[in-house]
N, C-alpha and C. Protein backbone atom coordinates (compact mmCIF):
# COMPACT_ATOMS: atom_id res chain seq x y z
N MET A 1 -19.12 10.78 41.58
CA MET A 1 -19.77 9.99 40.53
C MET A 1 -19.03 8.30 40.48
N SER A 2 -20.40 7.39 40.79
CA SER A 2 -19.93 5.63 40.55
C SER A 2 -19.33 5.51 39.48
N PRO A 3 -18.19 4.38 39.33
CA PRO A 3 -17.58 3.95 38.23
C PRO A 3 -18.15 3.72 37.17
N ASP A 4 -19.73 3.20 37.22
CA ASP A 4 -20.23 2.58 36.49
C ASP A 4 -21.25 3.86 35.90
N ILE A 5 -21.42 4.46 36.48
CA ILE A 5 -21.95 6.18 35.62
C ILE A 5 -20.78 6.80 34.77
N GLN A 6 -19.74 6.55 35.46
CA GLN A 6 -18.32 7.40 34.63
C GLN A 6 -18.28 6.47 33.03
N TRP A 7 -18.23 5.27 33.55
CA TRP A 7 -18.18 4.55 32.27
C TRP A 7 -19.20 4.74 31.57
N ALA A 8 -20.55 4.62 31.56
CA ALA A 8 -21.96 4.89 30.81
C ALA A 8 -21.22 6.25 30.19
N LEU A 9 -20.70 7.24 30.87
CA LEU A 9 -20.97 8.70 30.28
C LEU A 9 -19.63 8.51 28.98
N PHE A 10 -18.81 8.10 29.56
CA PHE A 10 -17.69 8.06 28.74
C PHE A 10 -17.93 7.44 27.56
N LEU A 11 -18.23 6.08 27.52
CA LEU A 11 -19.11 5.23 26.22
C LEU A 11 -19.93 5.88 25.58
N GLY A 12 -20.79 6.69 26.12
CA GLY A 12 -21.80 7.60 24.99
C GLY A 12 -21.01 8.58 24.67
N ALA A 13 -20.49 9.41 24.94
CA ALA A 13 -19.26 10.17 24.71
C ALA A 13 -18.65 9.82 23.50
N SER A 14 -17.69 8.57 23.33
CA SER A 14 -16.93 7.91 22.24
C SER A 14 -17.77 7.82 21.24
N LEU A 15 -19.06 6.92 21.66
CA LEU A 15 -19.87 6.66 20.56
C LEU A 15 -20.07 7.76 19.61
N ALA A 16 -20.86 8.90 20.08
CA ALA A 16 -20.88 10.16 19.38
C ALA A 16 -19.67 10.84 18.98
N LEU A 17 -18.52 10.89 19.12
CA LEU A 17 -17.50 11.49 18.40
C LEU A 17 -17.38 10.13 17.45
N ALA A 18 -17.25 8.71 17.15
CA ALA A 18 -16.95 7.99 16.42
C ALA A 18 -17.78 8.58 15.38
N LEU A 19 -19.22 8.66 15.68
CA LEU A 19 -20.33 9.09 14.53
C LEU A 19 -20.55 10.33 14.09
N THR A 20 -19.39 11.29 14.72
CA THR A 20 -19.21 12.53 13.86
C THR A 20 -18.54 12.47 12.53
N PRO A 21 -18.73 12.74 11.38
CA PRO A 21 -17.52 12.52 10.59
C PRO A 21 -16.71 13.60 10.54
N GLY A 22 -15.43 12.99 10.33
CA GLY A 22 -14.06 13.89 10.28
C GLY A 22 -13.12 13.07 9.30
N PRO A 23 -11.82 13.46 9.45
CA PRO A 23 -10.95 12.99 8.51
C PRO A 23 -10.88 11.65 8.42
N ASP A 24 -10.83 11.00 9.65
CA ASP A 24 -10.54 9.45 10.22
C ASP A 24 -11.97 8.60 8.88
N MET A 25 -13.11 9.54 9.21
CA MET A 25 -14.20 8.73 8.62
C MET A 25 -14.15 8.96 7.05
N ILE A 26 -13.89 10.13 6.64
CA ILE A 26 -13.61 10.44 5.28
C ILE A 26 -12.49 9.63 4.46
N TYR A 27 -11.31 9.72 5.27
CA TYR A 27 -10.18 8.58 4.57
C TYR A 27 -10.53 7.38 4.29
N VAL A 28 -11.51 6.79 5.46
CA VAL A 28 -11.82 5.20 5.33
C VAL A 28 -13.07 5.17 4.55
N VAL A 29 -13.99 6.00 4.06
CA VAL A 29 -15.09 5.94 2.88
C VAL A 29 -14.41 6.16 1.65
N SER A 30 -13.58 6.96 1.66
CA SER A 30 -12.75 7.37 0.44
C SER A 30 -12.18 6.13 0.00
N ARG A 31 -11.33 5.31 0.70
CA ARG A 31 -10.72 4.20 0.73
C ARG A 31 -11.92 3.07 -0.19
N ALA A 32 -12.58 2.96 0.58
CA ALA A 32 -13.85 1.90 0.22
C ALA A 32 -14.59 2.54 -0.90
N LEU A 33 -14.59 3.61 -1.13
CA LEU A 33 -15.16 3.94 -2.41
C LEU A 33 -14.14 3.54 -3.78
N ALA A 34 -13.08 3.76 -3.77
CA ALA A 34 -12.29 3.53 -4.45
C ALA A 34 -11.86 1.91 -4.65
N GLN A 35 -11.97 1.52 -3.74
CA GLN A 35 -11.32 -0.16 -4.08
C GLN A 35 -12.43 -1.27 -3.46
N GLY A 36 -13.17 -0.61 -2.61
CA GLY A 36 -13.97 -1.77 -2.13
C GLY A 36 -14.31 -1.93 -0.78
N PRO A 37 -14.94 -2.62 -0.40
CA PRO A 37 -15.14 -3.28 1.07
C PRO A 37 -13.82 -3.43 2.21
N ARG A 38 -12.84 -4.18 1.53
CA ARG A 38 -11.85 -4.82 2.07
C ARG A 38 -11.04 -3.67 2.16
N ALA A 39 -10.88 -2.77 1.33
CA ALA A 39 -10.35 -1.68 1.38
C ALA A 39 -10.64 -0.73 2.67
N GLY A 40 -11.57 -0.46 2.64
CA GLY A 40 -11.97 0.11 4.04
C GLY A 40 -11.91 -0.60 4.71
N LEU A 41 -11.83 -1.91 5.06
CA LEU A 41 -11.69 -2.00 6.53
C LEU A 41 -10.39 -2.27 6.77
N VAL A 42 -9.48 -2.41 5.90
CA VAL A 42 -8.16 -2.46 6.18
C VAL A 42 -7.50 -0.81 6.59
N SER A 43 -8.34 0.09 5.68
CA SER A 43 -7.91 1.29 6.30
C SER A 43 -8.23 1.77 7.53
N ALA A 44 -9.53 1.20 7.81
CA ALA A 44 -10.18 1.36 9.48
C ALA A 44 -8.83 0.43 10.76
N ALA A 45 -8.70 -0.65 10.25
CA ALA A 45 -7.66 -1.06 10.92
C ALA A 45 -6.34 -0.07 11.42
N GLY A 46 -5.89 0.06 10.24
CA GLY A 46 -4.49 1.03 10.09
C GLY A 46 -4.62 2.35 10.86
N LEU A 47 -5.88 2.92 10.83
CA LEU A 47 -6.23 4.22 11.39
C LEU A 47 -6.09 3.81 13.40
N THR A 48 -6.77 2.70 13.54
CA THR A 48 -6.83 2.34 14.76
C THR A 48 -5.59 2.19 15.46
N LEU A 49 -4.89 1.55 14.64
CA LEU A 49 -3.51 1.39 15.15
C LEU A 49 -2.63 2.71 15.54
N GLY A 50 -2.85 3.65 14.63
CA GLY A 50 -2.23 5.25 15.19
C GLY A 50 -2.99 5.79 15.74
N LEU A 51 -4.61 5.49 16.29
CA LEU A 51 -5.19 5.72 17.35
C LEU A 51 -4.42 5.67 18.40
N ALA A 52 -4.10 4.35 18.81
CA ALA A 52 -3.69 3.52 19.44
C ALA A 52 -2.35 4.18 20.04
N ALA A 53 -1.63 4.90 19.10
CA ALA A 53 -0.36 5.36 19.46
C ALA A 53 -0.57 6.42 20.22
N HIS A 54 -1.56 7.12 19.78
CA HIS A 54 -2.29 8.36 20.52
C HIS A 54 -2.38 8.28 22.16
N ILE A 55 -2.87 6.98 22.41
CA ILE A 55 -3.69 6.63 23.31
C ILE A 55 -2.33 6.07 24.49
N LEU A 56 -1.64 5.57 23.85
CA LEU A 56 -0.65 5.23 24.73
C LEU A 56 0.09 6.40 25.20
N LEU A 57 0.49 7.18 23.96
CA LEU A 57 1.13 8.59 24.82
C LEU A 57 0.65 9.63 25.84
N ALA A 58 -0.56 9.39 25.37
CA ALA A 58 -1.49 10.07 26.64
C ALA A 58 -1.80 9.42 27.99
N ALA A 59 -1.60 7.89 27.68
CA ALA A 59 -1.73 7.60 28.90
C ALA A 59 -0.49 7.64 29.87
N PHE A 60 0.21 7.50 29.18
CA PHE A 60 1.77 7.40 29.96
C PHE A 60 2.30 8.82 29.96
N GLY A 61 1.58 10.09 29.50
CA GLY A 61 2.31 11.51 29.83
C GLY A 61 2.79 11.65 28.84
N VAL A 62 3.18 11.12 27.63
CA VAL A 62 4.45 11.29 26.94
C VAL A 62 4.10 12.57 25.91
N SER A 63 2.65 12.57 25.69
CA SER A 63 1.96 13.76 24.79
C SER A 63 1.93 15.21 25.45
N VAL A 64 2.63 15.22 26.75
CA VAL A 64 2.95 16.65 27.34
C VAL A 64 3.53 17.61 26.62
N LEU A 65 4.49 16.38 25.82
CA LEU A 65 5.54 17.38 25.11
C LEU A 65 4.89 18.08 23.95
N LEU A 66 4.06 17.57 23.51
CA LEU A 66 3.10 18.43 22.03
C LEU A 66 2.15 19.69 22.66
N ARG A 67 2.00 19.69 23.92
CA ARG A 67 1.34 20.45 24.66
C ARG A 67 2.26 21.71 24.78
N THR A 68 3.77 21.56 25.26
CA THR A 68 4.36 21.98 26.17
C THR A 68 5.57 22.61 25.28
N SER A 69 5.69 21.84 23.95
CA SER A 69 7.07 22.47 22.90
C SER A 69 6.08 22.76 21.51
N GLU A 70 6.73 23.78 21.67
CA GLU A 70 6.30 24.63 20.08
C GLU A 70 6.54 23.83 18.86
N THR A 71 7.84 23.48 18.86
CA THR A 71 8.91 23.01 18.03
C THR A 71 8.26 21.49 17.79
N ALA A 72 7.46 20.81 18.34
CA ALA A 72 7.33 19.31 18.65
C ALA A 72 5.96 19.63 17.76
N PHE A 73 5.12 20.65 17.95
CA PHE A 73 4.14 20.43 17.45
C PHE A 73 4.01 20.91 16.37
N MET A 74 4.72 21.67 15.84
CA MET A 74 4.89 22.19 14.32
C MET A 74 5.17 21.09 13.73
N VAL A 75 6.26 20.09 14.27
CA VAL A 75 7.17 19.63 12.90
C VAL A 75 5.79 18.40 12.94
N LEU A 76 4.94 17.93 13.58
CA LEU A 76 3.89 17.13 13.44
C LEU A 76 2.90 17.44 12.91
N LYS A 77 2.66 18.46 12.78
CA LYS A 77 1.30 19.19 12.05
C LYS A 77 2.00 19.22 10.89
N ILE A 78 3.25 20.01 10.12
CA ILE A 78 3.76 20.31 9.35
C ILE A 78 3.79 18.61 8.44
N ALA A 79 4.44 17.49 9.20
CA ALA A 79 4.43 16.30 8.57
C ALA A 79 2.97 15.57 8.16
N GLY A 80 1.67 15.90 9.10
CA GLY A 80 0.60 15.48 8.95
C GLY A 80 0.00 16.15 7.76
N ALA A 81 0.13 17.30 7.81
CA ALA A 81 -0.69 18.44 6.66
C ALA A 81 0.05 17.80 5.01
N LEU A 82 1.62 17.40 5.14
CA LEU A 82 2.47 17.31 3.76
C LEU A 82 1.77 16.01 3.40
N TYR A 83 1.26 15.15 4.48
CA TYR A 83 0.77 13.67 4.21
C TYR A 83 -0.31 13.74 3.55
N LEU A 84 -1.39 14.28 3.88
CA LEU A 84 -2.41 14.45 3.54
C LEU A 84 -2.74 15.23 2.12
N LEU A 85 -1.66 16.21 1.83
CA LEU A 85 -1.70 16.64 0.58
C LEU A 85 -1.36 15.78 -0.48
N TRP A 86 -0.42 15.03 0.23
CA TRP A 86 0.36 14.10 -0.48
C TRP A 86 -0.98 12.62 -1.41
N ILE A 87 -1.50 12.10 -0.33
CA ILE A 87 -3.01 11.68 -0.68
C ILE A 87 -3.82 11.98 -1.43
N GLY A 88 -3.90 13.43 -0.99
CA GLY A 88 -5.30 13.97 -2.13
C GLY A 88 -4.73 14.27 -3.53
N ILE A 89 -3.45 14.53 -3.77
CA ILE A 89 -3.13 14.81 -4.96
C ILE A 89 -2.65 13.33 -5.87
N GLN A 90 -2.27 12.47 -5.14
CA GLN A 90 -2.72 11.07 -5.78
C GLN A 90 -3.78 10.61 -6.39
N LEU A 91 -4.80 11.01 -5.31
CA LEU A 91 -6.61 10.49 -5.82
C LEU A 91 -6.85 11.26 -6.71
N TRP A 92 -6.63 12.93 -6.89
CA TRP A 92 -6.92 13.68 -7.97
C TRP A 92 -6.43 13.37 -9.14
N ARG A 93 -5.24 12.73 -9.16
CA ARG A 93 -4.43 12.59 -10.35
C ARG A 93 -4.67 10.97 -10.96
N ALA A 94 -5.25 10.06 -10.32
CA ALA A 94 -5.44 8.92 -10.28
C ALA A 94 -6.64 8.35 -11.74
N ASP A 95 -6.07 7.69 -12.30
CA ASP A 95 -7.09 7.00 -13.62
C ASP A 95 -7.41 5.87 -12.77
N PRO A 96 -9.05 6.09 -12.67
CA PRO A 96 -9.91 5.04 -12.33
C PRO A 96 -9.82 3.63 -12.72
N ARG A 97 -9.69 3.50 -14.24
CA ARG A 97 -9.56 2.19 -14.69
C ARG A 97 -8.11 1.46 -14.12
N PHE A 98 -7.00 2.59 -14.34
CA PHE A 98 -5.89 1.96 -13.53
C PHE A 98 -5.86 1.54 -12.40
N ASP A 99 -6.35 2.20 -11.51
CA ASP A 99 -6.02 1.98 -10.10
C ASP A 99 -7.00 0.84 -9.50
N VAL A 100 -8.30 1.29 -10.07
CA VAL A 100 -9.31 0.09 -9.22
C VAL A 100 -9.76 -1.11 -10.24
N GLN A 101 -9.56 -1.04 -11.47
CA GLN A 101 -9.73 -2.35 -12.20
C GLN A 101 -8.61 -2.93 -12.78
N ALA A 102 -7.40 -2.46 -13.64
CA ALA A 102 -6.58 -2.73 -14.31
C ALA A 102 -5.92 -3.31 -13.10
N ALA A 103 -5.61 -2.57 -11.94
CA ALA A 103 -4.39 -2.88 -10.83
C ALA A 103 -5.34 -3.00 -9.33
N GLY A 104 -6.29 -3.38 -9.27
CA GLY A 104 -7.23 -3.50 -8.02
C GLY A 104 -6.32 -4.11 -7.01
N ASP A 105 -5.15 -4.93 -7.27
CA ASP A 105 -4.53 -5.33 -6.18
C ASP A 105 -3.01 -4.59 -5.84
N ARG A 106 -3.03 -3.47 -6.48
CA ARG A 106 -1.42 -2.72 -6.49
C ARG A 106 -1.72 -2.14 -5.34
N ALA A 107 -2.77 -1.46 -4.63
CA ALA A 107 -2.82 -0.97 -3.14
C ALA A 107 -3.20 -2.05 -2.31
N GLY A 108 -2.03 -3.22 -2.12
CA GLY A 108 -2.52 -4.00 -1.40
C GLY A 108 -2.49 -3.57 0.17
N ALA A 109 -3.16 -4.30 1.04
CA ALA A 109 -3.55 -4.56 2.30
C ALA A 109 -2.24 -4.00 3.07
N ALA A 110 -1.35 -4.01 3.16
CA ALA A 110 -0.39 -3.66 3.54
C ALA A 110 -0.07 -2.15 3.63
N THR A 111 -0.01 -1.56 2.37
CA THR A 111 0.31 -0.16 2.17
C THR A 111 -1.34 0.56 2.26
N LEU A 112 -2.21 0.20 2.25
CA LEU A 112 -3.44 0.31 2.88
C LEU A 112 -3.29 0.83 4.38
N PHE A 113 -2.73 -0.51 5.28
CA PHE A 113 -2.64 -0.53 6.64
C PHE A 113 -2.04 0.92 6.97
N LEU A 114 -0.58 0.64 6.38
CA LEU A 114 0.52 1.57 6.60
C LEU A 114 -0.18 3.19 6.73
N GLN A 115 -0.72 3.44 5.36
CA GLN A 115 -1.28 4.93 4.94
C GLN A 115 -2.22 5.10 5.95
N GLY A 116 -3.23 4.24 6.39
CA GLY A 116 -4.19 4.58 7.34
C GLY A 116 -3.54 5.17 9.04
N SER A 117 -2.82 4.24 9.12
CA SER A 117 -1.84 4.53 10.40
C SER A 117 -1.09 5.85 10.36
N LEU A 118 -0.53 5.88 9.29
CA LEU A 118 0.33 7.40 9.64
C LEU A 118 -0.55 8.47 9.50
N SER A 119 -1.82 8.10 8.30
CA SER A 119 -2.87 9.26 8.38
C SER A 119 -3.45 9.86 10.10
N ALA A 120 -3.40 8.55 10.90
CA ALA A 120 -3.93 9.08 12.43
C ALA A 120 -2.57 9.40 13.42
N LEU A 121 -1.40 8.86 12.94
CA LEU A 121 -0.56 8.98 13.81
C LEU A 121 0.17 10.57 13.56
N LEU A 122 0.09 11.00 12.46
CA LEU A 122 0.82 12.21 11.86
C LEU A 122 -0.13 13.47 12.19
N ASN A 123 -1.32 13.08 13.11
CA ASN A 123 -2.21 14.41 13.44
C ASN A 123 -2.06 14.59 14.90
N PRO A 124 -1.50 15.86 15.26
CA PRO A 124 -1.30 16.34 16.31
C PRO A 124 -2.44 16.44 16.95
N LYS A 125 -3.30 16.87 16.66
CA LYS A 125 -4.67 17.31 17.36
C LYS A 125 -5.22 15.75 17.98
N LEU A 126 -5.20 14.69 17.37
CA LEU A 126 -5.20 13.44 18.14
C LEU A 126 -4.76 13.68 19.64
N ALA A 127 -3.49 13.63 19.63
CA ALA A 127 -2.59 13.32 20.86
C ALA A 127 -3.28 14.51 21.59
N LEU A 128 -3.19 15.74 21.37
CA LEU A 128 -3.99 16.82 22.13
C LEU A 128 -5.42 16.44 22.80
N PHE A 129 -6.33 16.07 21.61
CA PHE A 129 -7.27 15.40 22.20
C PHE A 129 -7.41 14.56 23.05
N PHE A 130 -6.89 13.02 23.08
CA PHE A 130 -6.48 12.56 24.12
C PHE A 130 -5.99 12.60 25.46
N LEU A 131 -4.88 13.64 25.28
CA LEU A 131 -4.48 14.00 26.38
C LEU A 131 -5.59 14.60 27.13
N ALA A 132 -6.46 15.35 26.87
CA ALA A 132 -7.50 16.54 27.33
C ALA A 132 -8.73 15.30 27.62
N PHE A 133 -8.89 14.21 26.70
CA PHE A 133 -10.04 13.73 26.67
C PHE A 133 -10.38 12.48 27.79
N LEU A 134 -9.03 11.41 27.63
CA LEU A 134 -9.27 10.57 28.91
C LEU A 134 -9.03 11.19 29.87
N PRO A 135 -8.00 11.67 30.72
CA PRO A 135 -8.11 12.00 31.78
C PRO A 135 -9.58 12.62 32.79
N GLN A 136 -10.14 12.75 31.85
CA GLN A 136 -11.53 12.96 32.30
C GLN A 136 -12.36 12.11 33.17
N PHE A 137 -12.15 11.10 32.38
CA PHE A 137 -12.89 9.76 32.77
C PHE A 137 -11.89 8.68 34.03
N VAL A 138 -10.93 9.30 34.12
CA VAL A 138 -9.94 8.64 35.19
C VAL A 138 -10.25 9.16 36.33
N PRO A 139 -11.06 8.56 37.45
CA PRO A 139 -10.95 8.57 39.36
C PRO A 139 -9.76 9.44 39.83
N ARG A 140 -10.31 10.45 40.32
CA ARG A 140 -9.04 10.91 40.64
C ARG A 140 -8.52 10.38 42.23
N THR A 141 -9.34 9.45 42.50
CA THR A 141 -8.89 8.88 43.66
C THR A 141 -8.37 7.37 43.35
N SER A 142 -7.96 7.27 41.91
CA SER A 142 -7.59 5.86 41.34
C SER A 142 -5.99 5.93 41.82
N SER A 143 -5.97 4.84 42.00
CA SER A 143 -4.39 3.98 42.47
C SER A 143 -3.39 3.58 41.40
N THR A 144 -4.05 3.67 40.12
CA THR A 144 -3.71 2.90 38.97
C THR A 144 -3.90 3.55 37.66
N PRO A 145 -3.87 5.22 37.65
CA PRO A 145 -4.47 6.16 36.62
C PRO A 145 -4.03 5.33 35.25
N THR A 146 -2.75 4.97 35.02
CA THR A 146 -2.33 4.81 33.69
C THR A 146 -2.97 3.67 33.28
N ALA A 147 -3.45 2.48 33.88
CA ALA A 147 -4.14 1.18 33.70
C ALA A 147 -5.49 1.45 33.47
N ASP A 148 -6.08 2.93 34.29
CA ASP A 148 -7.65 3.10 33.88
C ASP A 148 -7.46 3.66 32.53
N ALA A 149 -6.66 4.81 32.10
CA ALA A 149 -6.47 5.40 30.79
C ALA A 149 -6.49 4.34 29.67
N LEU A 150 -5.53 3.44 30.18
CA LEU A 150 -5.24 2.72 28.73
C LEU A 150 -6.48 1.66 28.64
N ALA A 151 -7.15 1.37 29.56
CA ALA A 151 -8.47 0.60 29.68
C ALA A 151 -9.22 1.38 28.68
N LEU A 152 -9.43 2.96 28.95
CA LEU A 152 -10.47 3.90 28.27
C LEU A 152 -10.15 3.79 26.78
N GLY A 153 -8.35 4.12 26.95
CA GLY A 153 -8.34 4.02 25.52
C GLY A 153 -8.70 2.92 24.56
N LEU A 154 -8.61 1.76 25.45
CA LEU A 154 -9.35 0.78 24.19
C LEU A 154 -10.36 0.45 24.15
N ALA A 155 -11.22 1.20 24.73
CA ALA A 155 -12.91 0.98 24.74
C ALA A 155 -13.22 1.95 23.46
N PHE A 156 -12.65 3.26 23.77
CA PHE A 156 -12.51 3.91 22.20
C PHE A 156 -12.06 3.68 21.43
N ALA A 157 -11.19 2.91 21.23
CA ALA A 157 -10.23 2.34 19.98
C ALA A 157 -11.67 1.23 19.03
N VAL A 158 -12.08 0.44 20.28
CA VAL A 158 -12.98 -0.62 19.63
C VAL A 158 -14.23 0.08 19.46
N ILE A 159 -14.68 0.80 20.02
CA ILE A 159 -15.96 1.52 19.27
C ILE A 159 -15.63 2.17 17.85
N GLY A 160 -14.55 2.91 17.99
CA GLY A 160 -14.05 4.07 16.78
C GLY A 160 -13.68 2.90 15.24
N ILE A 161 -13.28 1.35 15.96
CA ILE A 161 -13.28 0.97 14.52
C ILE A 161 -14.21 0.11 14.15
N ALA A 162 -15.00 -0.03 14.82
CA ALA A 162 -16.64 -0.81 14.60
C ALA A 162 -17.38 0.08 13.79
N VAL A 163 -17.40 1.73 14.30
CA VAL A 163 -18.00 2.72 13.35
C VAL A 163 -17.30 2.41 12.10
N GLN A 164 -15.98 3.13 11.79
CA GLN A 164 -15.45 2.89 10.57
C GLN A 164 -15.61 1.93 9.99
N ALA A 165 -15.31 0.70 10.65
CA ALA A 165 -15.51 -0.59 9.79
C ALA A 165 -17.20 -0.60 9.06
N ALA A 166 -17.79 -0.23 9.80
CA ALA A 166 -19.32 -0.66 9.24
C ALA A 166 -19.36 0.75 8.06
N ALA A 167 -18.79 1.86 8.17
CA ALA A 167 -19.02 2.71 6.99
C ALA A 167 -18.18 2.34 6.07
N GLY A 168 -16.99 1.70 6.39
CA GLY A 168 -16.19 1.47 5.23
C GLY A 168 -16.97 0.02 4.13
N LEU A 169 -17.75 -0.43 5.25
CA LEU A 169 -18.05 -1.65 4.76
C LEU A 169 -19.76 -1.00 3.25
N ALA A 170 -20.07 -0.10 3.86
CA ALA A 170 -21.55 0.37 3.44
C ALA A 170 -20.97 1.17 2.07
N ALA A 171 -19.84 1.85 2.47
CA ALA A 171 -19.36 2.72 1.02
C ALA A 171 -18.72 1.71 0.20
N GLY A 172 -18.10 0.44 0.27
CA GLY A 172 -17.59 -0.30 -0.40
C GLY A 172 -18.71 -0.89 -1.27
N VAL A 173 -19.86 -1.21 -0.57
CA VAL A 173 -20.87 -2.00 -1.62
C VAL A 173 -21.35 -1.15 -2.60
N LEU A 174 -21.31 0.22 -2.30
CA LEU A 174 -21.85 1.22 -3.41
C LEU A 174 -20.38 1.37 -4.37
N SER A 175 -19.42 0.87 -3.97
CA SER A 175 -18.01 1.18 -4.85
C SER A 175 -18.58 0.17 -6.36
N GLU A 176 -19.05 -1.12 -6.01
CA GLU A 176 -19.61 -1.74 -6.83
C GLU A 176 -20.10 -1.53 -8.24
N ARG A 177 -20.96 -0.63 -7.40
CA ARG A 177 -22.16 -0.38 -8.71
C ARG A 177 -21.15 1.08 -9.60
N LEU A 178 -20.28 1.94 -8.47
CA LEU A 178 -19.54 3.04 -9.17
C LEU A 178 -18.53 2.23 -9.84
N ARG A 179 -18.10 1.35 -9.61
CA ARG A 179 -16.80 0.56 -11.00
C ARG A 179 -17.22 0.94 -12.43
N ARG A 180 -18.61 0.37 -12.41
CA ARG A 180 -19.07 0.29 -13.53
C ARG A 180 -19.53 1.63 -14.41
N SER A 181 -18.71 2.99 -13.74
CA SER A 181 -18.78 3.96 -14.81
C SER A 181 -17.22 4.91 -14.14
N ASP A 182 -17.08 5.14 -15.32
CA ASP A 182 -15.43 5.70 -15.11
C ASP A 182 -15.53 7.08 -14.94
N ARG A 183 -16.63 7.50 -15.12
CA ARG A 183 -17.10 9.14 -14.89
C ARG A 183 -17.23 9.05 -13.78
N ALA A 184 -18.56 8.00 -13.18
CA ALA A 184 -18.80 8.42 -11.49
C ALA A 184 -17.38 8.17 -10.62
N LEU A 185 -16.80 7.27 -11.35
CA LEU A 185 -15.45 6.72 -10.70
C LEU A 185 -14.30 7.58 -10.37
N ARG A 186 -14.42 8.41 -11.52
CA ARG A 186 -13.38 9.79 -11.37
C ARG A 186 -13.66 11.03 -10.57
N ALA A 187 -15.36 10.85 -10.42
CA ALA A 187 -15.93 11.70 -9.91
C ALA A 187 -15.32 11.44 -8.46
N VAL A 188 -15.52 10.11 -7.84
CA VAL A 188 -15.14 10.04 -6.78
C VAL A 188 -13.76 10.20 -6.20
N PHE A 189 -13.05 9.54 -6.94
CA PHE A 189 -11.41 9.72 -6.79
C PHE A 189 -11.18 11.17 -6.63
N ARG A 190 -11.56 12.17 -7.44
CA ARG A 190 -11.19 13.56 -7.44
C ARG A 190 -12.22 14.53 -6.25
N THR A 191 -13.33 14.04 -5.77
CA THR A 191 -13.89 14.43 -4.92
C THR A 191 -13.18 13.79 -3.58
N SER A 192 -12.55 12.83 -3.57
CA SER A 192 -11.89 12.58 -2.19
C SER A 192 -10.55 13.13 -2.01
N GLY A 193 -10.23 13.29 -3.19
CA GLY A 193 -8.89 13.66 -3.25
C GLY A 193 -8.63 15.67 -2.85
N ALA A 194 -9.75 16.27 -3.47
CA ALA A 194 -10.19 17.53 -3.00
C ALA A 194 -10.25 17.94 -1.47
N VAL A 195 -11.08 16.79 -0.93
CA VAL A 195 -11.07 16.72 0.46
C VAL A 195 -10.29 16.31 1.46
N MET A 196 -8.99 15.36 0.60
CA MET A 196 -7.93 15.07 1.65
C MET A 196 -6.98 16.57 1.48
N ILE A 197 -6.85 17.13 0.26
CA ILE A 197 -5.96 18.26 -0.15
C ILE A 197 -6.38 19.66 0.87
N LEU A 198 -8.04 19.54 0.99
CA LEU A 198 -8.43 20.59 1.80
C LEU A 198 -8.55 20.41 3.35
N LEU A 199 -8.29 19.14 3.91
CA LEU A 199 -7.85 18.66 5.13
C LEU A 199 -6.46 19.32 5.56
N GLY A 200 -5.60 18.56 4.54
CA GLY A 200 -4.33 19.19 4.91
C GLY A 200 -4.31 20.56 4.73
N LEU A 201 -4.78 21.44 3.84
CA LEU A 201 -4.19 22.92 4.01
C LEU A 201 -4.77 23.43 5.27
N ARG A 202 -6.04 23.08 5.69
CA ARG A 202 -6.70 23.43 6.81
C ARG A 202 -5.73 22.77 8.48
N LEU A 203 -5.14 21.69 8.36
CA LEU A 203 -4.14 21.51 9.42
C LEU A 203 -3.10 22.51 9.15
N LEU A 204 -2.61 22.44 8.02
CA LEU A 204 -1.26 23.40 7.97
C LEU A 204 -1.42 24.46 8.23
N PHE A 205 -2.71 25.01 8.15
CA PHE A 205 -2.63 26.70 8.53
C PHE A 205 -3.43 26.71 9.96
N GLN A 206 -3.84 26.01 10.13
CA GLN A 206 -4.74 26.10 11.30
C GLN A 206 -3.66 26.43 12.49
N PRO A 207 -3.98 27.17 13.69
CA PRO A 207 -2.87 28.19 14.39
C PRO A 207 -2.71 26.96 15.62
N ARG A 208 -1.78 27.11 16.50
CA ARG A 208 -1.77 26.34 17.62
C ARG A 208 -3.14 26.18 18.46
């Protein structure tokens, strides 16, 4: 298979994966609905940093540890699940008038960016995913497999942040209307919180 065809297949698969709703997309949309377009963009950027860490691990083969070590997998899995549960509980208990109107700048860019990064970084399934996904598109005859994997990972990250940023902007525009209704905004917070809690429980009890 020629390199051009291989890249085309990779880009098509990456776009399809990015457009598939998952925990990352839900997280970005939730933040954008709660705090506006800027929050969605910053959260998407944070998630991309977390993805970049997994891409680096996969490219250099360090993620093999998660595949071969039951202890390492369980520690990261539990940490990620507890973090999702914590975010979900905070969203469920939030007072929308306080979090969005009275203190809209309280959850600043640094906090949103860090939360997005940790959300992706503490997901062991992402490490295993990239370990299985990227090598499929690295030519077997390549003399620089690590560099090839890094290039593929960078392309995946660019596609991912573009899709998530678009989703965050769209959700953020809707949030401007929702802010006028405490009842609607509270429903958004609680729905987002419930989704995060369910994702955390799913990750916590999912077998290896």
